[in-house]
PDB file of N, CA and C in Angstrom:
ATOM      1  N   MET A   1      40.939 -14.528  21.304  1.00  0.00           N
ATOM      2  CA  MET A   1      39.528 -14.214  21.323  1.00  0.00           C
ATOM      3  C   MET A   1      39.097 -13.740  19.930  1.00  0.00           C
ATOM      4  N   SER A   2      37.989 -14.257  19.417  1.00  0.00           N
ATOM      5  CA  SER A   2      37.556 -13.850  18.072  1.00  0.00           C
ATOM      6  C   SER A   2      36.566 -12.698  18.154  1.00  0.00           C
ATOM      7  N   ASN A   3      36.381 -12.009  17.033  1.00  0.00           N
ATOM      8  CA  ASN A   3      35.467 -10.866  16.965  1.00  0.00           C
ATOM      9  C   ASN A   3      34.085 -11.243  16.456  1.00  0.00           C
ATOM     10  N   ILE A   4      33.800 -12.519  16.347  1.00  0.00           N
ATOM     11  CA  ILE A   4      32.520 -12.948  15.799  1.00  0.00           C
ATOM     12  C   ILE A   4      31.407 -12.631  16.806  1.00  0.00           C
ATOM     13  N   VAL A   5      30.343 -11.987  16.289  1.00  0.00           N
ATOM     14  CA  VAL A   5      29.214 -11.632  17.136  1.00  0.00           C
ATOM     15  C   VAL A   5      28.220 -12.795  17.122  1.00  0.00           C
ATOM     16  N   ARG A   6      27.869 -13.261  18.285  1.00  0.00           N
ATOM     17  CA  ARG A   6      26.903 -14.353  18.387  1.00  0.00           C
ATOM     18  C   ARG A   6      25.702 -13.854  19.172  1.00  0.00           C
ATOM     19  N   GLY A   7      24.612 -14.584  19.029  1.00  0.00           N
ATOM     20  CA  GLY A   7      23.426 -14.211  19.793  1.00  0.00           C
ATOM     21  C   GLY A   7      22.362 -13.606  18.910  1.00  0.00           C
ATOM     22  N   LYS A   8      21.398 -12.961  19.545  1.00  0.00           N
ATOM     23  CA  LYS A   8      20.234 -12.506  18.781  1.00  0.00           C
ATOM     24  C   LYS A   8      20.372 -11.111  18.192  1.00  0.00           C
ATOM     25  N   ASN A   9      21.462 -10.413  18.458  1.00  0.00           N
ATOM     26  CA  ASN A   9      21.598  -9.049  17.942  1.00  0.00           C
ATOM     27  C   ASN A   9      22.483  -8.969  16.698  1.00  0.00           C
ATOM     28  N   ARG A  10      22.636 -10.071  15.972  1.00  0.00           N
ATOM     29  CA  ARG A  10      23.451 -10.039  14.760  1.00  0.00           C
ATOM     30  C   ARG A  10      22.751  -9.222  13.680  1.00  0.00           C
ATOM     31  N   LYS A  11      23.539  -8.515  12.897  1.00  0.00           N
ATOM     32  CA  LYS A  11      22.981  -7.628  11.880  1.00  0.00           C
ATOM     33  C   LYS A  11      23.491  -8.010  10.496  1.00  0.00           C
ATOM     34  N   ARG A  12      22.754  -7.614   9.484  1.00  0.00           N
ATOM     35  CA  ARG A  12      23.177  -7.768   8.090  1.00  0.00           C
ATOM     36  C   ARG A  12      23.049  -6.426   7.420  1.00  0.00           C
ATOM     37  N   TYR A  13      23.913  -6.211   6.450  1.00  0.00           N
ATOM     38  CA  TYR A  13      23.904  -4.978   5.667  1.00  0.00           C
ATOM     39  C   TYR A  13      23.613  -5.359   4.227  1.00  0.00           C
ATOM     40  N   VAL A  14      22.588  -4.751   3.651  1.00  0.00           N
ATOM     41  CA  VAL A  14      22.166  -5.055   2.293  1.00  0.00           C
ATOM     42  C   VAL A  14      22.468  -3.847   1.415  1.00  0.00           C
ATOM     43  N   GLY A  15      23.250  -4.071   0.368  1.00  0.00           N
ATOM     44  CA  GLY A  15      23.556  -3.017  -0.592  1.00  0.00           C
ATOM     45  C   GLY A  15      22.532  -3.056  -1.718  1.00  0.00           C
ATOM     46  N   PHE A  16      22.110  -1.896  -2.185  1.00  0.00           N
ATOM     47  CA  PHE A  16      21.097  -1.846  -3.241  1.00  0.00           C
ATOM     48  C   PHE A  16      21.306  -0.656  -4.159  1.00  0.00           C
ATOM     49  N   LYS A  17      20.653  -0.745  -5.318  1.00  0.00           N
ATOM     50  CA  LYS A  17      20.694   0.316  -6.323  1.00  0.00           C
ATOM     51  C   LYS A  17      19.268   0.647  -6.724  1.00  0.00           C
ATOM     52  N   ILE A  18      18.983   1.933  -6.871  1.00  0.00           N
ATOM     53  CA  ILE A  18      17.659   2.372  -7.318  1.00  0.00           C
ATOM     54  C   ILE A  18      17.768   2.861  -8.749  1.00  0.00           C
ATOM     55  N   THR A  19      16.935   2.294  -9.627  1.00  0.00           N
ATOM     56  CA  THR A  19      16.885   2.798 -10.998  1.00  0.00           C
ATOM     57  C   THR A  19      15.596   3.606 -11.142  1.00  0.00           C
ATOM     58  N   GLY A  20      15.679   4.632 -11.928  1.00  0.00           N
ATOM     59  CA  GLY A  20      14.545   5.539 -12.078  1.00  0.00           C
ATOM     60  C   GLY A  20      14.971   6.935 -11.711  1.00  0.00           C
ATOM     61  N   ASP A  21      14.040   7.703 -11.192  1.00  0.00           N
ATOM     62  CA  ASP A  21      14.320   9.089 -10.827  1.00  0.00           C
ATOM     63  C   ASP A  21      15.303   9.198  -9.672  1.00  0.00           C
ATOM     64  N   LYS A  22      15.938  10.353  -9.557  1.00  0.00           N
ATOM     65  CA  LYS A  22      16.844  10.654  -8.443  1.00  0.00           C
ATOM     66  C   LYS A  22      16.021  10.742  -7.155  1.00  0.00           C
ATOM     67  N   ILE A  23      16.471  10.065  -6.129  1.00  0.00           N
ATOM     68  CA  ILE A  23      15.757   9.999  -4.854  1.00  0.00           C
ATOM     69  C   ILE A  23      16.628  10.637  -3.778  1.00  0.00           C
ATOM     70  N   ASN A  24      16.008  11.268  -2.777  1.00  0.00           N
ATOM     71  CA  ASN A  24      16.812  11.779  -1.672  1.00  0.00           C
ATOM     72  C   ASN A  24      16.678  10.870  -0.455  1.00  0.00           C
ATOM     73  N   PHE A  25      17.617  10.988   0.468  1.00  0.00           N
ATOM     74  CA  PHE A  25      17.720  10.139   1.650  1.00  0.00           C
ATOM     75  C   PHE A  25      16.421  10.098   2.453  1.00  0.00           C
ATOM     76  N   SER A  26      15.860  11.276   2.765  1.00  0.00           N
ATOM     77  CA  SER A  26      14.687  11.320   3.643  1.00  0.00           C
ATOM     78  C   SER A  26      13.450  10.694   2.999  1.00  0.00           C
ATOM     79  N   GLU A  27      13.268  10.882   1.687  1.00  0.00           N
ATOM     80  CA  GLU A  27      12.134  10.250   0.989  1.00  0.00           C
ATOM     81  C   GLU A  27      12.252   8.730   1.079  1.00  0.00           C
ATOM     82  N   LEU A  28      13.451   8.238   0.811  1.00  0.00           N
ATOM     83  CA  LEU A  28      13.694   6.796   0.822  1.00  0.00           C
ATOM     84  C   LEU A  28      13.509   6.225   2.225  1.00  0.00           C
ATOM     85  N   ASP A  29      14.088   6.877   3.209  1.00  0.00           N
ATOM     86  CA  ASP A  29      14.000   6.419   4.600  1.00  0.00           C
ATOM     87  C   ASP A  29      12.539   6.316   5.040  1.00  0.00           C
ATOM     88  N   LYS A  30      11.759   7.331   4.737  1.00  0.00           N
ATOM     89  CA  LYS A  30      10.331   7.365   5.105  1.00  0.00           C
ATOM     90  C   LYS A  30       9.581   6.216   4.431  1.00  0.00           C
ATOM     91  N   THR A  31       9.819   6.009   3.144  1.00  0.00           N
ATOM     92  CA  THR A  31       9.143   4.949   2.399  1.00  0.00           C
ATOM     93  C   THR A  31       9.482   3.568   2.948  1.00  0.00           C
ATOM     94  N   ILE A  32      10.753   3.333   3.236  1.00  0.00           N
ATOM     95  CA  ILE A  32      11.176   2.027   3.763  1.00  0.00           C
ATOM     96  C   ILE A  32      10.511   1.760   5.118  1.00  0.00           C
ATOM     97  N   LYS A  33      10.466   2.758   5.989  1.00  0.00           N
ATOM     98  CA  LYS A  33       9.851   2.577   7.309  1.00  0.00           C
ATOM     99  C   LYS A  33       8.348   2.307   7.190  1.00  0.00           C
ATOM    100  N   GLU A  34       7.679   3.013   6.266  1.00  0.00           N
ATOM    101  CA  GLU A  34       6.245   2.789   6.067  1.00  0.00           C
ATOM    102  C   GLU A  34       5.987   1.379   5.538  1.00  0.00           C
ATOM    103  N   LYS A  35       6.801   0.949   4.577  1.00  0.00           N
ATOM    104  CA  LYS A  35       6.642  -0.392   3.995  1.00  0.00           C
ATOM    105  C   LYS A  35       6.934  -1.486   5.007  1.00  0.00           C
ATOM    106  N   CYS A  36       7.846  -1.240   5.908  1.00  0.00           N
ATOM    107  CA  CYS A  36       8.194  -2.195   6.962  1.00  0.00           C
ATOM    108  C   CYS A  36       6.952  -2.498   7.810  1.00  0.00           C
ATOM    109  N   LYS A  37       6.277  -1.431   8.216  1.00  0.00           N
ATOM    110  CA  LYS A  37       5.069  -1.601   9.038  1.00  0.00           C
ATOM    111  C   LYS A  37       3.962  -2.279   8.214  1.00  0.00           C
ATOM    112  N   GLU A  38       3.795  -1.832   6.972  1.00  0.00           N
ATOM    113  CA  GLU A  38       2.725  -2.313   6.117  1.00  0.00           C
ATOM    114  C   GLU A  38       2.927  -3.777   5.697  1.00  0.00           C
ATOM    115  N   LYS A  39       4.118  -4.114   5.207  1.00  0.00           N
ATOM    116  CA  LYS A  39       4.370  -5.454   4.659  1.00  0.00           C
ATOM    117  C   LYS A  39       4.769  -6.492   5.709  1.00  0.00           C
ATOM    118  N   LEU A  40       5.552  -6.068   6.698  1.00  0.00           N
ATOM    119  CA  LEU A  40       6.050  -7.023   7.693  1.00  0.00           C
ATOM    120  C   LEU A  40       5.287  -6.964   9.007  1.00  0.00           C
ATOM    121  N   GLY A  41       4.522  -5.881   9.200  1.00  0.00           N
ATOM    122  CA  GLY A  41       3.769  -5.721  10.444  1.00  0.00           C
ATOM    123  C   GLY A  41       4.673  -5.499  11.656  1.00  0.00           C
ATOM    124  N   LYS A  42       5.859  -4.959  11.414  1.00  0.00           N
ATOM    125  CA  LYS A  42       6.819  -4.742  12.500  1.00  0.00           C
ATOM    126  C   LYS A  42       7.296  -3.302  12.476  1.00  0.00           C
ATOM    127  N   GLU A  43       7.642  -2.815  13.633  1.00  0.00           N
ATOM    128  CA  GLU A  43       8.264  -1.494  13.736  1.00  0.00           C
ATOM    129  C   GLU A  43       9.712  -1.630  13.272  1.00  0.00           C
ATOM    130  N   PRO A  44      10.227  -0.638  12.542  1.00  0.00           N
ATOM    131  CA  PRO A  44      11.623  -0.708  12.061  1.00  0.00           C
ATOM    132  C   PRO A  44      12.626  -0.969  13.193  1.00  0.00           C
ATOM    133  N   ARG A  45      12.421  -0.364  14.352  1.00  0.00           N
ATOM    134  CA  ARG A  45      13.392  -0.545  15.442  1.00  0.00           C
ATOM    135  C   ARG A  45      13.396  -1.981  15.985  1.00  0.00           C
ATOM    136  N   GLU A  46      12.271  -2.711  15.833  1.00  0.00           N
ATOM    137  CA  GLU A  46      12.204  -4.107  16.286  1.00  0.00           C
ATOM    138  C   GLU A  46      13.210  -4.990  15.549  1.00  0.00           C
ATOM    139  N   ILE A  47      13.446  -4.659  14.286  1.00  0.00           N
ATOM    140  CA  ILE A  47      14.324  -5.496  13.463  1.00  0.00           C
ATOM    141  C   ILE A  47      15.611  -4.756  13.099  1.00  0.00           C
ATOM    142  N   TYR A  48      15.949  -3.726  13.886  1.00  0.00           N
ATOM    143  CA  TYR A  48      17.169  -2.926  13.685  1.00  0.00           C
ATOM    144  C   TYR A  48      17.262  -2.322  12.287  1.00  0.00           C
ATOM    145  N   LEU A  49      16.122  -2.023  11.685  1.00  0.00           N
ATOM    146  CA  LEU A  49      16.092  -1.505  10.322  1.00  0.00           C
ATOM    147  C   LEU A  49      16.543  -0.055  10.294  1.00  0.00           C
ATOM    148  N   LYS A  50      17.570   0.223   9.498  1.00  0.00           N
ATOM    149  CA  LYS A  50      18.053   1.593   9.388  1.00  0.00           C
ATOM    150  C   LYS A  50      18.762   1.786   8.044  1.00  0.00           C
ATOM    151  N   LEU A  51      18.448   2.880   7.401  1.00  0.00           N
ATOM    152  CA  LEU A  51      19.160   3.266   6.177  1.00  0.00           C
ATOM    153  C   LEU A  51      20.484   3.873   6.615  1.00  0.00           C
ATOM    154  N   ILE A  52      21.573   3.211   6.309  1.00  0.00           N
ATOM    155  CA  ILE A  52      22.896   3.607   6.793  1.00  0.00           C
ATOM    156  C   ILE A  52      23.562   4.627   5.868  1.00  0.00           C
ATOM    157  N   LYS A  53      23.649   4.291   4.600  1.00  0.00           N
ATOM    158  CA  LYS A  53      24.298   5.168   3.622  1.00  0.00           C
ATOM    159  C   LYS A  53      23.417   5.260   2.390  1.00  0.00           C
ATOM    160  N   PHE A  54      23.438   6.430   1.752  1.00  0.00           N
ATOM    161  CA  PHE A  54      22.700   6.597   0.504  1.00  0.00           C
ATOM    162  C   PHE A  54      23.341   7.718  -0.297  1.00  0.00           C
ATOM    163  N   LYS A  55      23.758   7.391  -1.521  1.00  0.00           N
ATOM    164  CA  LYS A  55      24.437   8.367  -2.369  1.00  0.00           C
ATOM    165  C   LYS A  55      24.250   7.968  -3.833  1.00  0.00           C
ATOM    166  N   ASN A  56      23.872   8.913  -4.669  1.00  0.00           N
ATOM    167  CA  ASN A  56      23.707   8.678  -6.115  1.00  0.00           C
ATOM    168  C   ASN A  56      22.840   7.462  -6.430  1.00  0.00           C
ATOM    169  N   ASN A  57      21.739   7.321  -5.690  1.00  0.00           N
ATOM    170  CA  ASN A  57      20.779   6.219  -5.858  1.00  0.00           C
ATOM    171  C   ASN A  57      21.337   4.832  -5.515  1.00  0.00           C
ATOM    172  N   TYR A  58      22.444   4.791  -4.762  1.00  0.00           N
ATOM    173  CA  TYR A  58      22.964   3.538  -4.200  1.00  0.00           C
ATOM    174  C   TYR A  58      22.859   3.657  -2.687  1.00  0.00           C
ATOM    175  N   GLY A  59      22.542   2.533  -2.033  1.00  0.00           N
ATOM    176  CA  GLY A  59      22.408   2.623  -0.589  1.00  0.00           C
ATOM    177  C   GLY A  59      22.779   1.351   0.133  1.00  0.00           C
ATOM    178  N   ILE A  60      22.873   1.483   1.456  1.00  0.00           N
ATOM    179  CA  ILE A  60      23.117   0.358   2.350  1.00  0.00           C
ATOM    180  C   ILE A  60      22.102   0.452   3.477  1.00  0.00           C
ATOM    181  N   ILE A  61      21.414  -0.648   3.718  1.00  0.00           N
ATOM    182  CA  ILE A  61      20.432  -0.695   4.790  1.00  0.00           C
ATOM    183  C   ILE A  61      20.838  -1.797   5.766  1.00  0.00           C
ATOM    184  N   ARG A  62      20.619  -1.546   7.057  1.00  0.00           N
ATOM    185  CA  ARG A  62      20.952  -2.521   8.098  1.00  0.00           C
ATOM    186  C   ARG A  62      19.674  -3.183   8.588  1.00  0.00           C
ATOM    187  N   CYS A  63      19.761  -4.469   8.943  1.00  0.00           N
ATOM    188  CA  CYS A  63      18.626  -5.154   9.543  1.00  0.00           C
ATOM    189  C   CYS A  63      19.110  -6.307  10.415  1.00  0.00           C
ATOM    190  N   LYS A  64      18.203  -6.892  11.152  1.00  0.00           N
ATOM    191  CA  LYS A  64      18.470  -8.071  11.963  1.00  0.00           C
ATOM    192  C   LYS A  64      18.783  -9.246  11.019  1.00  0.00           C
ATOM    193  N   HIS A  65      19.716 -10.098  11.387  1.00  0.00           N
ATOM    194  CA  HIS A  65      20.123 -11.176  10.466  1.00  0.00           C
ATOM    195  C   HIS A  65      18.960 -12.098  10.083  1.00  0.00           C
ATOM    196  N   THR A  66      18.007 -12.288  10.979  1.00  0.00           N
ATOM    197  CA  THR A  66      16.878 -13.169  10.681  1.00  0.00           C
ATOM    198  C   THR A  66      15.864 -12.516   9.731  1.00  0.00           C
ATOM    199  N   GLU A  67      15.966 -11.222   9.521  1.00  0.00           N
ATOM    200  CA  GLU A  67      15.023 -10.493   8.655  1.00  0.00           C
ATOM    201  C   GLU A  67      15.600 -10.174   7.278  1.00  0.00           C
ATOM    202  N   LYS A  68      16.803 -10.627   6.998  1.00  0.00           N
ATOM    203  CA  LYS A  68      17.481 -10.272   5.745  1.00  0.00           C
ATOM    204  C   LYS A  68      16.617 -10.554   4.512  1.00  0.00           C
ATOM    205  N   GLU A  69      16.081 -11.766   4.410  1.00  0.00           N
ATOM    206  CA  GLU A  69      15.282 -12.119   3.220  1.00  0.00           C
ATOM    207  C   GLU A  69      14.022 -11.254   3.127  1.00  0.00           C
ATOM    208  N   ASN A  70      13.397 -10.995   4.265  1.00  0.00           N
ATOM    209  CA  ASN A  70      12.199 -10.127   4.260  1.00  0.00           C
ATOM    210  C   ASN A  70      12.533  -8.709   3.795  1.00  0.00           C
ATOM    211  N   ILE A  71      13.676  -8.220   4.198  1.00  0.00           N
ATOM    212  CA  ILE A  71      14.086  -6.858   3.826  1.00  0.00           C
ATOM    213  C   ILE A  71      14.388  -6.798   2.340  1.00  0.00           C
ATOM    214  N   ILE A  72      15.024  -7.827   1.807  1.00  0.00           N
ATOM    215  CA  ILE A  72      15.301  -7.871   0.363  1.00  0.00           C
ATOM    216  C   ILE A  72      13.981  -7.862  -0.405  1.00  0.00           C
ATOM    217  N   LYS A  73      13.012  -8.668   0.014  1.00  0.00           N
ATOM    218  CA  LYS A  73      11.698  -8.686  -0.638  1.00  0.00           C
ATOM    219  C   LYS A  73      11.016  -7.318  -0.509  1.00  0.00           C
ATOM    220  N   LEU A  74      11.118  -6.718   0.669  1.00  0.00           N
ATOM    221  CA  LEU A  74      10.516  -5.411   0.929  1.00  0.00           C
ATOM    222  C   LEU A  74      11.115  -4.368  -0.026  1.00  0.00           C
ATOM    223  N   LEU A  75      12.445  -4.339  -0.142  1.00  0.00           N
ATOM    224  CA  LEU A  75      13.094  -3.375  -1.035  1.00  0.00           C
ATOM    225  C   LEU A  75      12.634  -3.575  -2.476  1.00  0.00           C
ATOM    226  N   ARG A  76      12.591  -4.840  -2.918  1.00  0.00           N
ATOM    227  CA  ARG A  76      12.193  -5.118  -4.298  1.00  0.00           C
ATOM    228  C   ARG A  76      10.734  -4.792  -4.565  1.00  0.00           C
ATOM    229  N   SER A  77       9.899  -4.758  -3.515  1.00  0.00           N
ATOM    230  CA  SER A  77       8.473  -4.477  -3.691  1.00  0.00           C
ATOM    231  C   SER A  77       8.184  -2.986  -3.842  1.00  0.00           C
ATOM    232  N   ILE A  78       9.151  -2.141  -3.511  1.00  0.00           N
ATOM    233  CA  ILE A  78       8.927  -0.689  -3.596  1.00  0.00           C
ATOM    234  C   ILE A  78       8.984  -0.249  -5.062  1.00  0.00           C
ATOM    235  N   GLU A  79       7.870   0.318  -5.518  1.00  0.00           N
ATOM    236  CA  GLU A  79       7.785   0.786  -6.910  1.00  0.00           C
ATOM    237  C   GLU A  79       7.640   2.295  -7.006  1.00  0.00           C
ATOM    238  N   LYS A  80       7.294   2.905  -5.894  1.00  0.00           N
ATOM    239  CA  LYS A  80       7.132   4.361  -5.873  1.00  0.00           C
ATOM    240  C   LYS A  80       7.748   4.925  -4.600  1.00  0.00           C
ATOM    241  N   ILE A  81       8.464   6.019  -4.739  1.00  0.00           N
ATOM    242  CA  ILE A  81       8.985   6.763  -3.598  1.00  0.00           C
ATOM    243  C   ILE A  81       8.505   8.180  -3.807  1.00  0.00           C
ATOM    244  N   GLY A  82       7.625   8.622  -2.925  1.00  0.00           N
ATOM    245  CA  GLY A  82       6.957   9.903  -3.157  1.00  0.00           C
ATOM    246  C   GLY A  82       6.085   9.730  -4.383  1.00  0.00           C
ATOM    247  N   ASN A  83       6.268  10.584  -5.384  1.00  0.00           N
ATOM    248  CA  ASN A  83       5.509  10.436  -6.618  1.00  0.00           C
ATOM    249  C   ASN A  83       6.417   9.967  -7.765  1.00  0.00           C
ATOM    250  N   LYS A  84       7.564   9.400  -7.424  1.00  0.00           N
ATOM    251  CA  LYS A  84       8.536   8.963  -8.430  1.00  0.00           C
ATOM    252  C   LYS A  84       8.509   7.444  -8.581  1.00  0.00           C
ATOM    253  N   SER A  85       8.485   6.978  -9.828  1.00  0.00           N
ATOM    254  CA  SER A  85       8.531   5.534 -10.096  1.00  0.00           C
ATOM    255  C   SER A  85       9.969   5.058 -10.010  1.00  0.00           C
ATOM    256  N   VAL A  86      10.185   3.952  -9.309  1.00  0.00           N
ATOM    257  CA  VAL A  86      11.530   3.407  -9.125  1.00  0.00           C
ATOM    258  C   VAL A  86      11.508   1.881  -9.175  1.00  0.00           C
ATOM    259  N   LYS A  87      12.706   1.329  -9.306  1.00  0.00           N
ATOM    260  CA  LYS A  87      12.913  -0.105  -9.182  1.00  0.00           C
ATOM    261  C   LYS A  87      14.142  -0.255  -8.304  1.00  0.00           C
ATOM    262  N   ILE A  88      14.055  -1.115  -7.280  1.00  0.00           N
ATOM    263  CA  ILE A  88      15.202  -1.312  -6.397  1.00  0.00           C
ATOM    264  C   ILE A  88      15.751  -2.717  -6.616  1.00  0.00           C
ATOM    265  N   GLU A  89      17.057  -2.768  -6.901  1.00  0.00           N
ATOM    266  CA  GLU A  89      17.747  -4.050  -7.081  1.00  0.00           C
ATOM    267  C   GLU A  89      18.761  -4.192  -5.964  1.00  0.00           C
ATOM    268  N   THR A  90      18.754  -5.345  -5.303  1.00  0.00           N
ATOM    269  CA  THR A  90      19.773  -5.570  -4.273  1.00  0.00           C
ATOM    270  C   THR A  90      21.052  -6.040  -4.956  1.00  0.00           C
ATOM    271  N   ARG A  91      22.175  -5.614  -4.441  1.00  0.00           N
ATOM    272  CA  ARG A  91      23.470  -5.952  -5.024  1.00  0.00           C
ATOM    273  C   ARG A  91      24.195  -7.020  -4.239  1.00  0.00           C
ATOM    274  N   ALA A  92      24.177  -6.921  -2.911  1.00  0.00           N
ATOM    275  CA  ALA A  92      24.924  -7.875  -2.084  1.00  0.00           C
ATOM    276  C   ALA A  92      24.509  -7.726  -0.629  1.00  0.00           C
ATOM    277  N   THR A  93      24.892  -8.714   0.167  1.00  0.00           N
ATOM    278  CA  THR A  93      24.619  -8.701   1.607  1.00  0.00           C
ATOM    279  C   THR A  93      25.902  -9.068   2.340  1.00  0.00           C
ATOM    280  N   SER A  94      26.094  -8.474   3.511  1.00  0.00           N
ATOM    281  CA  SER A  94      27.289  -8.780   4.288  1.00  0.00           C
ATOM    282  C   SER A  94      26.997  -8.605   5.766  1.00  0.00           C
ATOM    283  N   GLY A  95      27.865  -9.149   6.606  1.00  0.00           N
ATOM    284  CA  GLY A  95      27.738  -8.989   8.051  1.00  0.00           C
ATOM    285  C   GLY A  95      28.364  -7.694   8.541  1.00  0.00           C
ATOM    286  N   THR A  96      29.175  -7.045   7.666  1.00  0.00           N
ATOM    287  CA  THR A  96      29.781  -5.768   8.055  1.00  0.00           C
ATOM    288  C   THR A  96      29.670  -4.775   6.894  1.00  0.00           C
ATOM    289  N   ILE A  97      29.585  -3.505   7.232  1.00  0.00           N
ATOM    290  CA  ILE A  97      29.539  -2.447   6.219  1.00  0.00           C
ATOM    291  C   ILE A  97      30.855  -2.450   5.444  1.00  0.00           C
ATOM    292  N   LYS A  98      31.949  -2.582   6.166  1.00  0.00           N
ATOM    293  CA  LYS A  98      33.276  -2.520   5.570  1.00  0.00           C
ATOM    294  C   LYS A  98      33.442  -3.568   4.458  1.00  0.00           C
ATOM    295  N   ALA A  99      33.056  -4.806   4.731  1.00  0.00           N
ATOM    296  CA  ALA A  99      33.182  -5.870   3.740  1.00  0.00           C
ATOM    297  C   ALA A  99      32.240  -5.648   2.560  1.00  0.00           C
ATOM    298  N   LEU A 100      31.030  -5.181   2.833  1.00  0.00           N
ATOM    299  CA  LEU A 100      30.070  -4.922   1.767  1.00  0.00           C
ATOM    300  C   LEU A 100      30.616  -3.876   0.797  1.00  0.00           C
ATOM    301  N   ILE A 101      31.149  -2.799   1.339  1.00  0.00           N
ATOM    302  CA  ILE A 101      31.707  -1.744   0.487  1.00  0.00           C
ATOM    303  C   ILE A 101      32.943  -2.249  -0.263  1.00  0.00           C
ATOM    304  N   ARG A 102      33.844  -2.910   0.455  1.00  0.00           N
ATOM    305  CA  ARG A 102      35.088  -3.380  -0.150  1.00  0.00           C
ATOM    306  C   ARG A 102      34.844  -4.373  -1.296  1.00  0.00           C
ATOM    307  N   LYS A 103      33.923  -5.287  -1.096  1.00  0.00           N
ATOM    308  CA  LYS A 103      33.695  -6.339  -2.095  1.00  0.00           C
ATOM    309  C   LYS A 103      32.741  -5.943  -3.209  1.00  0.00           C
ATOM    310  N   HIS A 104      31.751  -5.097  -2.905  1.00  0.00           N
ATOM    311  CA  HIS A 104      30.669  -4.887  -3.875  1.00  0.00           C
ATOM    312  C   HIS A 104      30.358  -3.445  -4.233  1.00  0.00           C
ATOM    313  N   MET A 105      30.803  -2.470  -3.429  1.00  0.00           N
ATOM    314  CA  MET A 105      30.346  -1.113  -3.655  1.00  0.00           C
ATOM    315  C   MET A 105      31.465  -0.077  -3.525  1.00  0.00           C
ATOM    316  N   LYS A 106      32.702  -0.485  -3.699  1.00  0.00           N
ATOM    317  CA  LYS A 106      33.810   0.444  -3.470  1.00  0.00           C
ATOM    318  C   LYS A 106      33.840   1.610  -4.452  1.00  0.00           C
ATOM    319  N   GLU A 107      33.245   1.427  -5.634  1.00  0.00           N
ATOM    320  CA  GLU A 107      33.210   2.534  -6.603  1.00  0.00           C
ATOM    321  C   GLU A 107      32.196   3.613  -6.213  1.00  0.00           C
ATOM    322  N   ILE A 108      31.320   3.311  -5.246  1.00  0.00           N
ATOM    323  CA  ILE A 108      30.278   4.255  -4.848  1.00  0.00           C
ATOM    324  C   ILE A 108      30.607   4.977  -3.530  1.00  0.00           C
ATOM    325  N   PHE A 109      31.041   4.202  -2.515  1.00  0.00           N
ATOM    326  CA  PHE A 109      31.247   4.800  -1.182  1.00  0.00           C
ATOM    327  C   PHE A 109      32.715   4.911  -0.836  1.00  0.00           C
TER     328      PHE A 109
END
């Protein structure tokens, strides 16, 4: 039996880096949820959107596999978090947190 998840509940994990001022988890989480409603017209829970890890301006966000491209665009469109100017660059995408960290972010998490 394989461990591959099939069906409509597949998730993707997007790794990203924020350049600019130091940001805290709650500021970032709030901004991402607001932008989700504003730009995509969807509630974060509809697309399984959740900020999973965030440390030293590097983070991992989870979303529905069909929303991956929209989430990448959403992250890149964020220019301000609170009153701080930022730029968000995505680093990689994976189907599991473990693989994302192992392949692309092991120096951070």
